[in-house]
């Protein structure tokens, strides 16, 4: 960070999480969508899928989209076609607030920007297309590098994806800030000596910056 105060880390790189940080996520909306197609006990569905690591396997690319859909149909007992199931599953995806996209554009002049996200190919196609339609350019062009869990087979909070990104981009942990809305992912980053900031429910990434620079008081709080 240009002009850093003595003793304050010189942050040159920022790694952003995606869901809940750049794009909004709606857990209640996807629950209601599944209820609307006949899943009355969504919590059981979610818990059963989680316990079988179904979501994690999809996010790491260890199972195909078809295997995921078939397992969801098996768990729910619903006879729903692929298109309708994808549509229902994608209801968790919310909006891109334009001010966050403007912020990312401006930050490029002061930092190298990266993305590190746990996600799956079904959601990925949906929100990448949505971004192109809304803003007229490719989402990944906002970053120096974008790392999606399903594409490289690693997911947070395991240390591997952090280490992979650092190595691939030749980043120094002490010059790198990671921003995520999940506490467990923050703890994992800090164990690797990456500076990390937990974005809580009351915060927006725009509140962390002024004039496209990190607010010094926030940086001090991470030391």
C-alpha atoms as a PDB file:
ATOM      1  CA  UNK A   1       0.000   0.000   0.000  1.00  0.00           C
ATOM      2  CA  UNK A   2       1.573   3.246  -1.139  1.00  0.00           C
ATOM      3  CA  UNK A   3       2.656   5.542   1.654  1.00  0.00           C
ATOM      4  CA  UNK A   4       2.147   3.028   4.435  1.00  0.00           C
ATOM      5  CA  UNK A   5       2.884   4.269   7.927  1.00  0.00           C
ATOM      6  CA  UNK A   6       5.952   2.857   9.714  1.00  0.00           C
ATOM      7  CA  UNK A   7       5.085  -0.535  11.199  1.00  0.00           C
ATOM      8  CA  UNK A   8       2.028  -0.939   8.980  1.00  0.00           C
ATOM      9  CA  UNK A   9       2.162  -3.824   6.461  1.00  0.00           C
ATOM     10  CA  UNK A  10       2.702  -2.767   2.866  1.00  0.00           C
ATOM     11  CA  UNK A  11      -0.242  -4.557   1.289  1.00  0.00           C
ATOM     12  CA  UNK A  12       0.259  -5.087  -2.418  1.00  0.00           C
ATOM     13  CA  UNK A  13      -2.246  -7.861  -3.084  1.00  0.00           C
ATOM     14  CA  UNK A  14      -5.867  -8.432  -2.099  1.00  0.00           C
ATOM     15  CA  UNK A  15      -7.618 -11.800  -2.362  1.00  0.00           C
ATOM     16  CA  UNK A  16     -11.410 -11.625  -2.307  1.00  0.00           C
ATOM     17  CA  UNK A  17     -13.942 -14.305  -1.550  1.00  0.00           C
ATOM     18  CA  UNK A  18     -16.924 -14.221  -3.932  1.00  0.00           C
ATOM     19  CA  UNK A  19     -20.273 -15.186  -2.382  1.00  0.00           C
ATOM     20  CA  UNK A  20     -21.354 -12.777   0.340  1.00  0.00           C
ATOM     21  CA  UNK A  21     -18.433 -10.469  -0.425  1.00  0.00           C
ATOM     22  CA  UNK A  22     -18.792  -9.487  -4.093  1.00  0.00           C
ATOM     23  CA  UNK A  23     -22.152 -11.028  -4.965  1.00  0.00           C
ATOM     24  CA  UNK A  24     -25.092 -11.307  -2.599  1.00  0.00           C
ATOM     25  CA  UNK A  25     -26.248 -14.740  -1.441  1.00  0.00           C
ATOM     26  CA  UNK A  26     -29.822 -15.646  -0.453  1.00  0.00           C
ATOM     27  CA  UNK A  27     -30.059 -18.817   1.642  1.00  0.00           C
ATOM     28  CA  UNK A  28     -33.731 -18.240   2.466  1.00  0.00           C
ATOM     29  CA  UNK A  29     -34.623 -17.841  -1.214  1.00  0.00           C
ATOM     30  CA  UNK A  30     -33.153 -21.194  -2.222  1.00  0.00           C
ATOM     31  CA  UNK A  31     -34.926 -22.854   0.706  1.00  0.00           C
ATOM     32  CA  UNK A  32     -38.233 -21.372  -0.440  1.00  0.00           C
ATOM     33  CA  UNK A  33     -37.533 -22.433  -4.029  1.00  0.00           C
ATOM     34  CA  UNK A  34     -37.014 -26.053  -2.986  1.00  0.00           C
ATOM     35  CA  UNK A  35     -40.167 -25.930  -0.879  1.00  0.00           C
ATOM     36  CA  UNK A  36     -42.068 -24.627  -3.907  1.00  0.00           C
ATOM     37  CA  UNK A  37     -41.157 -27.745  -5.916  1.00  0.00           C
ATOM     38  CA  UNK A  38     -42.236 -30.078  -3.145  1.00  0.00           C
ATOM     39  CA  UNK A  39     -39.302 -30.314  -0.708  1.00  0.00           C
ATOM     40  CA  UNK A  40     -41.034 -29.748   2.609  1.00  0.00           C
ATOM     41  CA  UNK A  41     -38.076 -30.657   4.807  1.00  0.00           C
ATOM     42  CA  UNK A  42     -35.306 -28.621   3.200  1.00  0.00           C
ATOM     43  CA  UNK A  43     -33.209 -28.701   6.379  1.00  0.00           C
ATOM     44  CA  UNK A  44     -33.061 -32.508   6.225  1.00  0.00           C
ATOM     45  CA  UNK A  45     -32.089 -32.354   2.551  1.00  0.00           C
ATOM     46  CA  UNK A  46     -29.331 -29.858   3.260  1.00  0.00           C
ATOM     47  CA  UNK A  47     -28.024 -31.794   6.259  1.00  0.00           C
ATOM     48  CA  UNK A  48     -28.067 -35.138   4.450  1.00  0.00           C
ATOM     49  CA  UNK A  49     -26.265 -33.691   1.436  1.00  0.00           C
ATOM     50  CA  UNK A  50     -23.722 -31.992   3.714  1.00  0.00           C
ATOM     51  CA  UNK A  51     -23.076 -35.156   5.736  1.00  0.00           C
ATOM     52  CA  UNK A  52     -22.403 -37.077   2.525  1.00  0.00           C
ATOM     53  CA  UNK A  53     -20.011 -34.303   1.397  1.00  0.00           C
ATOM     54  CA  UNK A  54     -22.156 -33.880  -1.721  1.00  0.00           C
ATOM     55  CA  UNK A  55     -21.718 -30.098  -1.900  1.00  0.00           C
ATOM     56  CA  UNK A  56     -17.998 -30.315  -1.155  1.00  0.00           C
ATOM     57  CA  UNK A  57     -17.466 -32.975  -3.821  1.00  0.00           C
ATOM     58  CA  UNK A  58     -19.202 -30.824  -6.426  1.00  0.00           C
ATOM     59  CA  UNK A  59     -17.196 -27.773  -5.362  1.00  0.00           C
ATOM     60  CA  UNK A  60     -13.952 -29.716  -5.787  1.00  0.00           C
ATOM     61  CA  UNK A  61     -14.982 -31.175  -9.135  1.00  0.00           C
ATOM     62  CA  UNK A  62     -14.864 -34.701  -7.709  1.00  0.00           C
ATOM     63  CA  UNK A  63     -18.328 -35.558  -9.025  1.00  0.00           C
ATOM     64  CA  UNK A  64     -20.083 -34.499 -12.207  1.00  0.00           C
ATOM     65  CA  UNK A  65     -23.060 -32.188 -12.376  1.00  0.00           C
ATOM     66  CA  UNK A  66     -25.195 -35.170 -13.381  1.00  0.00           C
ATOM     67  CA  UNK A  67     -24.077 -37.196 -10.381  1.00  0.00           C
ATOM     68  CA  UNK A  68     -24.955 -34.230  -8.156  1.00  0.00           C
ATOM     69  CA  UNK A  69     -28.403 -33.841  -9.685  1.00  0.00           C
ATOM     70  CA  UNK A  70     -29.104 -37.563  -9.445  1.00  0.00           C
ATOM     71  CA  UNK A  71     -28.124 -37.573  -5.767  1.00  0.00           C
ATOM     72  CA  UNK A  72     -30.364 -34.585  -5.024  1.00  0.00           C
ATOM     73  CA  UNK A  73     -33.253 -36.340  -6.765  1.00  0.00           C
ATOM     74  CA  UNK A  74     -32.535 -39.464  -4.738  1.00  0.00           C
ATOM     75  CA  UNK A  75     -32.437 -37.543  -1.443  1.00  0.00           C
ATOM     76  CA  UNK A  76     -35.628 -35.580  -2.173  1.00  0.00           C
ATOM     77  CA  UNK A  77     -37.543 -38.301  -3.981  1.00  0.00           C
ATOM     78  CA  UNK A  78     -38.561 -35.717  -6.570  1.00  0.00           C
ATOM     79  CA  UNK A  79     -38.861 -36.387 -10.285  1.00  0.00           C
ATOM     80  CA  UNK A  80     -37.518 -33.046 -11.500  1.00  0.00           C
ATOM     81  CA  UNK A  81     -35.670 -32.460 -14.755  1.00  0.00           C
ATOM     82  CA  UNK A  82     -32.123 -31.106 -14.872  1.00  0.00           C
ATOM     83  CA  UNK A  83     -33.085 -27.626 -16.048  1.00  0.00           C
ATOM     84  CA  UNK A  84     -35.661 -27.083 -13.296  1.00  0.00           C
ATOM     85  CA  UNK A  85     -33.322 -28.486 -10.652  1.00  0.00           C
ATOM     86  CA  UNK A  86     -30.506 -26.154 -11.734  1.00  0.00           C
ATOM     87  CA  UNK A  87     -32.910 -23.213 -11.724  1.00  0.00           C
ATOM     88  CA  UNK A  88     -34.016 -24.056  -8.186  1.00  0.00           C
ATOM     89  CA  UNK A  89     -30.463 -24.586  -6.960  1.00  0.00           C
ATOM     90  CA  UNK A  90     -29.372 -21.256  -8.510  1.00  0.00           C
ATOM     91  CA  UNK A  91     -31.912 -19.299  -6.476  1.00  0.00           C
ATOM     92  CA  UNK A  92     -29.263 -18.959  -3.786  1.00  0.00           C
ATOM     93  CA  UNK A  93     -27.407 -16.581  -6.113  1.00  0.00           C
ATOM     94  CA  UNK A  94     -28.264 -12.946  -5.512  1.00  0.00           C
ATOM     95  CA  UNK A  95     -27.273  -9.646  -7.076  1.00  0.00           C
ATOM     96  CA  UNK A  96     -24.065  -7.873  -8.037  1.00  0.00           C
ATOM     97  CA  UNK A  97     -24.261  -4.468  -6.326  1.00  0.00           C
ATOM     98  CA  UNK A  98     -22.813  -2.104  -8.971  1.00  0.00           C
ATOM     99  CA  UNK A  99     -20.872  -0.065  -6.397  1.00  0.00           C
ATOM    100  CA  UNK A 100     -18.785  -3.139  -5.539  1.00  0.00           C
ATOM    101  CA  UNK A 101     -17.894  -3.645  -9.189  1.00  0.00           C
ATOM    102  CA  UNK A 102     -16.911   0.018  -9.480  1.00  0.00           C
ATOM    103  CA  UNK A 103     -14.746  -0.408  -6.374  1.00  0.00           C
ATOM    104  CA  UNK A 104     -12.905  -3.393  -7.860  1.00  0.00           C
ATOM    105  CA  UNK A 105     -12.224  -1.405 -11.031  1.00  0.00           C
ATOM    106  CA  UNK A 106     -10.722   1.434  -9.005  1.00  0.00           C
ATOM    107  CA  UNK A 107      -8.654  -0.827  -6.738  1.00  0.00           C
ATOM    108  CA  UNK A 108      -6.747  -2.170  -9.742  1.00  0.00           C
ATOM    109  CA  UNK A 109      -4.703   1.042  -9.790  1.00  0.00           C
ATOM    110  CA  UNK A 110      -3.307   0.369  -6.291  1.00  0.00           C
ATOM    111  CA  UNK A 111      -3.344  -3.410  -5.756  1.00  0.00           C
ATOM    112  CA  UNK A 112      -3.099  -6.709  -7.528  1.00  0.00           C
ATOM    113  CA  UNK A 113      -6.513  -8.336  -7.138  1.00  0.00           C
ATOM    114  CA  UNK A 114      -7.339 -12.030  -6.897  1.00  0.00           C
ATOM    115  CA  UNK A 115     -10.406 -14.168  -6.297  1.00  0.00           C
ATOM    116  CA  UNK A 116     -10.520 -17.376  -4.241  1.00  0.00           C
ATOM    117  CA  UNK A 117     -13.937 -18.986  -4.105  1.00  0.00           C
ATOM    118  CA  UNK A 118     -15.559 -22.248  -3.088  1.00  0.00           C
ATOM    119  CA  UNK A 119     -18.121 -22.772  -5.812  1.00  0.00           C
ATOM    120  CA  UNK A 120     -19.515 -25.280  -8.295  1.00  0.00           C
ATOM    121  CA  UNK A 121     -19.899 -25.378 -12.051  1.00  0.00           C
ATOM    122  CA  UNK A 122     -23.707 -25.048 -11.991  1.00  0.00           C
ATOM    123  CA  UNK A 123     -23.608 -21.813 -10.036  1.00  0.00           C
ATOM    124  CA  UNK A 124     -20.536 -20.610 -11.935  1.00  0.00           C
ATOM    125  CA  UNK A 125     -22.228 -20.702 -15.341  1.00  0.00           C
ATOM    126  CA  UNK A 126     -25.233 -18.878 -13.939  1.00  0.00           C
ATOM    127  CA  UNK A 127     -23.525 -15.937 -12.260  1.00  0.00           C
ATOM    128  CA  UNK A 128     -20.799 -15.507 -14.885  1.00  0.00           C
ATOM    129  CA  UNK A 129     -23.471 -15.198 -17.568  1.00  0.00           C
ATOM    130  CA  UNK A 130     -25.514 -12.898 -15.334  1.00  0.00           C
ATOM    131  CA  UNK A 131     -22.520 -10.602 -14.864  1.00  0.00           C
ATOM    132  CA  UNK A 132     -21.838 -10.415 -18.608  1.00  0.00           C
ATOM    133  CA  UNK A 133     -25.484  -9.542 -19.267  1.00  0.00           C
ATOM    134  CA  UNK A 134     -25.575  -6.874 -16.546  1.00  0.00           C
ATOM    135  CA  UNK A 135     -22.215  -5.174 -17.055  1.00  0.00           C
ATOM    136  CA  UNK A 136     -21.218  -6.036 -20.608  1.00  0.00           C
ATOM    137  CA  UNK A 137     -17.743  -7.391 -19.909  1.00  0.00           C
ATOM    138  CA  UNK A 138     -16.135 -10.520 -18.450  1.00  0.00           C
ATOM    139  CA  UNK A 139     -16.200 -10.816 -14.670  1.00  0.00           C
ATOM    140  CA  UNK A 140     -12.725 -12.351 -14.422  1.00  0.00           C
ATOM    141  CA  UNK A 141     -11.210  -9.309 -16.150  1.00  0.00           C
ATOM    142  CA  UNK A 142     -11.575  -7.500 -12.820  1.00  0.00           C
ATOM    143  CA  UNK A 143      -8.797  -9.676 -11.357  1.00  0.00           C
ATOM    144  CA  UNK A 144      -5.183 -10.568 -11.966  1.00  0.00           C
ATOM    145  CA  UNK A 145      -6.201 -14.154 -11.257  1.00  0.00           C
ATOM    146  CA  UNK A 146      -9.439 -15.969 -10.388  1.00  0.00           C
ATOM    147  CA  UNK A 147      -9.354 -19.303  -8.551  1.00  0.00           C
ATOM    148  CA  UNK A 148     -12.587 -21.303  -8.453  1.00  0.00           C
ATOM    149  CA  UNK A 149     -12.534 -24.447  -6.319  1.00  0.00           C
ATOM    150  CA  UNK A 150     -14.234 -26.737  -8.850  1.00  0.00           C
ATOM    151  CA  UNK A 151     -11.653 -25.857 -11.501  1.00  0.00           C
ATOM    152  CA  UNK A 152      -8.528 -26.698  -9.508  1.00  0.00           C
ATOM    153  CA  UNK A 153      -9.859 -29.282  -7.053  1.00  0.00           C
ATOM    154  CA  UNK A 154      -9.218 -27.503  -3.750  1.00  0.00           C
ATOM    155  CA  UNK A 155     -11.504 -25.662  -1.358  1.00  0.00           C
ATOM    156  CA  UNK A 156     -11.223 -23.472   1.704  1.00  0.00           C
ATOM    157  CA  UNK A 157     -10.551 -23.776   4.605  1.00  0.00           C
ATOM    158  CA  UNK A 158      -7.969 -26.402   3.612  1.00  0.00           C
ATOM    159  CA  UNK A 159      -4.538 -24.744   3.353  1.00  0.00           C
ATOM    160  CA  UNK A 160      -3.916 -26.080  -0.167  1.00  0.00           C
ATOM    161  CA  UNK A 161      -5.896 -23.463  -2.149  1.00  0.00           C
ATOM    162  CA  UNK A 162      -4.218 -20.574  -0.335  1.00  0.00           C
ATOM    163  CA  UNK A 163      -0.761 -22.060  -0.869  1.00  0.00           C
ATOM    164  CA  UNK A 164      -1.581 -22.820  -4.506  1.00  0.00           C
ATOM    165  CA  UNK A 165      -2.611 -19.226  -5.196  1.00  0.00           C
ATOM    166  CA  UNK A 166       0.426 -17.774  -3.415  1.00  0.00           C
ATOM    167  CA  UNK A 167       2.764 -20.009  -5.393  1.00  0.00           C
ATOM    168  CA  UNK A 168       1.073 -19.525  -8.757  1.00  0.00           C
ATOM    169  CA  UNK A 169       1.050 -15.741  -8.432  1.00  0.00           C
ATOM    170  CA  UNK A 170       4.368 -15.417  -6.560  1.00  0.00           C
ATOM    171  CA  UNK A 171       2.749 -13.578  -3.646  1.00  0.00           C
ATOM    172  CA  UNK A 172       4.272 -12.930  -0.237  1.00  0.00           C
ATOM    173  CA  UNK A 173       1.816 -13.668   2.631  1.00  0.00           C
ATOM    174  CA  UNK A 174       2.845 -10.527   4.551  1.00  0.00           C
ATOM    175  CA  UNK A 175       2.004  -8.349   1.554  1.00  0.00           C
ATOM    176  CA  UNK A 176      -1.324 -10.042   0.905  1.00  0.00           C
ATOM    177  CA  UNK A 177      -4.751  -9.367   2.403  1.00  0.00           C
ATOM    178  CA  UNK A 178      -7.528 -11.969   2.263  1.00  0.00           C
ATOM    179  CA  UNK A 179     -11.165 -10.857   2.699  1.00  0.00           C
ATOM    180  CA  UNK A 180     -13.884 -13.448   3.397  1.00  0.00           C
ATOM    181  CA  UNK A 181     -17.239 -13.596   5.183  1.00  0.00           C
ATOM    182  CA  UNK A 182     -16.560 -17.032   6.740  1.00  0.00           C
ATOM    183  CA  UNK A 183     -14.572 -17.032   9.971  1.00  0.00           C
ATOM    184  CA  UNK A 184     -13.114 -20.505   9.397  1.00  0.00           C
ATOM    185  CA  UNK A 185     -11.598 -19.333   6.110  1.00  0.00           C
ATOM    186  CA  UNK A 186     -10.071 -16.321   7.844  1.00  0.00           C
ATOM    187  CA  UNK A 187      -8.476 -18.520  10.515  1.00  0.00           C
ATOM    188  CA  UNK A 188      -7.026 -20.778   7.818  1.00  0.00           C
ATOM    189  CA  UNK A 189      -5.440 -17.841   6.013  1.00  0.00           C
ATOM    190  CA  UNK A 190      -3.933 -16.433   9.191  1.00  0.00           C
ATOM    191  CA  UNK A 191      -2.309 -19.771   9.988  1.00  0.00           C
ATOM    192  CA  UNK A 192      -0.382 -19.285   6.735  1.00  0.00           C
ATOM    193  CA  UNK A 193       0.653 -15.760   7.802  1.00  0.00           C
ATOM    194  CA  UNK A 194      -1.685 -14.147   5.282  1.00  0.00           C
ATOM    195  CA  UNK A 195      -3.252 -10.941   6.575  1.00  0.00           C
ATOM    196  CA  UNK A 196      -6.974 -11.599   6.785  1.00  0.00           C
ATOM    197  CA  UNK A 197     -10.096  -9.576   7.435  1.00  0.00           C
ATOM    198  CA  UNK A 198     -13.470 -11.061   8.334  1.00  0.00           C
ATOM    199  CA  UNK A 199     -16.326  -9.249   6.596  1.00  0.00           C
ATOM    200  CA  UNK A 200     -19.290  -9.486   8.951  1.00  0.00           C
ATOM    201  CA  UNK A 201     -22.985  -9.288   8.059  1.00  0.00           C
ATOM    202  CA  UNK A 202     -23.104  -5.559   8.758  1.00  0.00           C
ATOM    203  CA  UNK A 203     -20.177  -4.677   6.484  1.00  0.00           C
ATOM    204  CA  UNK A 204     -19.739  -4.093   2.794  1.00  0.00           C
ATOM    205  CA  UNK A 205     -16.339  -4.219   1.082  1.00  0.00           C
ATOM    206  CA  UNK A 206     -16.819  -0.574   0.097  1.00  0.00           C
ATOM    207  CA  UNK A 207     -16.532   0.391   3.787  1.00  0.00           C
ATOM    208  CA  UNK A 208     -12.972  -0.978   3.926  1.00  0.00           C
ATOM    209  CA  UNK A 209     -11.565   1.515   1.448  1.00  0.00           C
ATOM    210  CA  UNK A 210     -11.292   5.248   0.893  1.00  0.00           C
ATOM    211  CA  UNK A 211     -10.085   6.691  -2.397  1.00  0.00           C
ATOM    212  CA  UNK A 212      -9.315   3.140  -3.592  1.00  0.00           C
ATOM    213  CA  UNK A 213      -6.958   2.534  -0.658  1.00  0.00           C
ATOM    214  CA  UNK A 214      -7.424   0.400   2.437  1.00  0.00           C
ATOM    215  CA  UNK A 215      -8.327   2.439   5.482  1.00  0.00           C
ATOM    216  CA  UNK A 216      -5.147   2.451   7.650  1.00  0.00           C
ATOM    217  CA  UNK A 217      -7.030   1.838  10.905  1.00  0.00           C
ATOM    218  CA  UNK A 218      -8.343  -1.444   9.512  1.00  0.00           C
ATOM    219  CA  UNK A 219      -4.852  -2.532   8.570  1.00  0.00           C
ATOM    220  CA  UNK A 220      -3.591  -1.686  12.050  1.00  0.00           C
ATOM    221  CA  UNK A 221      -6.320  -3.859  13.578  1.00  0.00           C
ATOM    222  CA  UNK A 222      -4.984  -6.890  11.686  1.00  0.00           C
ATOM    223  CA  UNK A 223      -1.479  -6.701  13.153  1.00  0.00           C
END
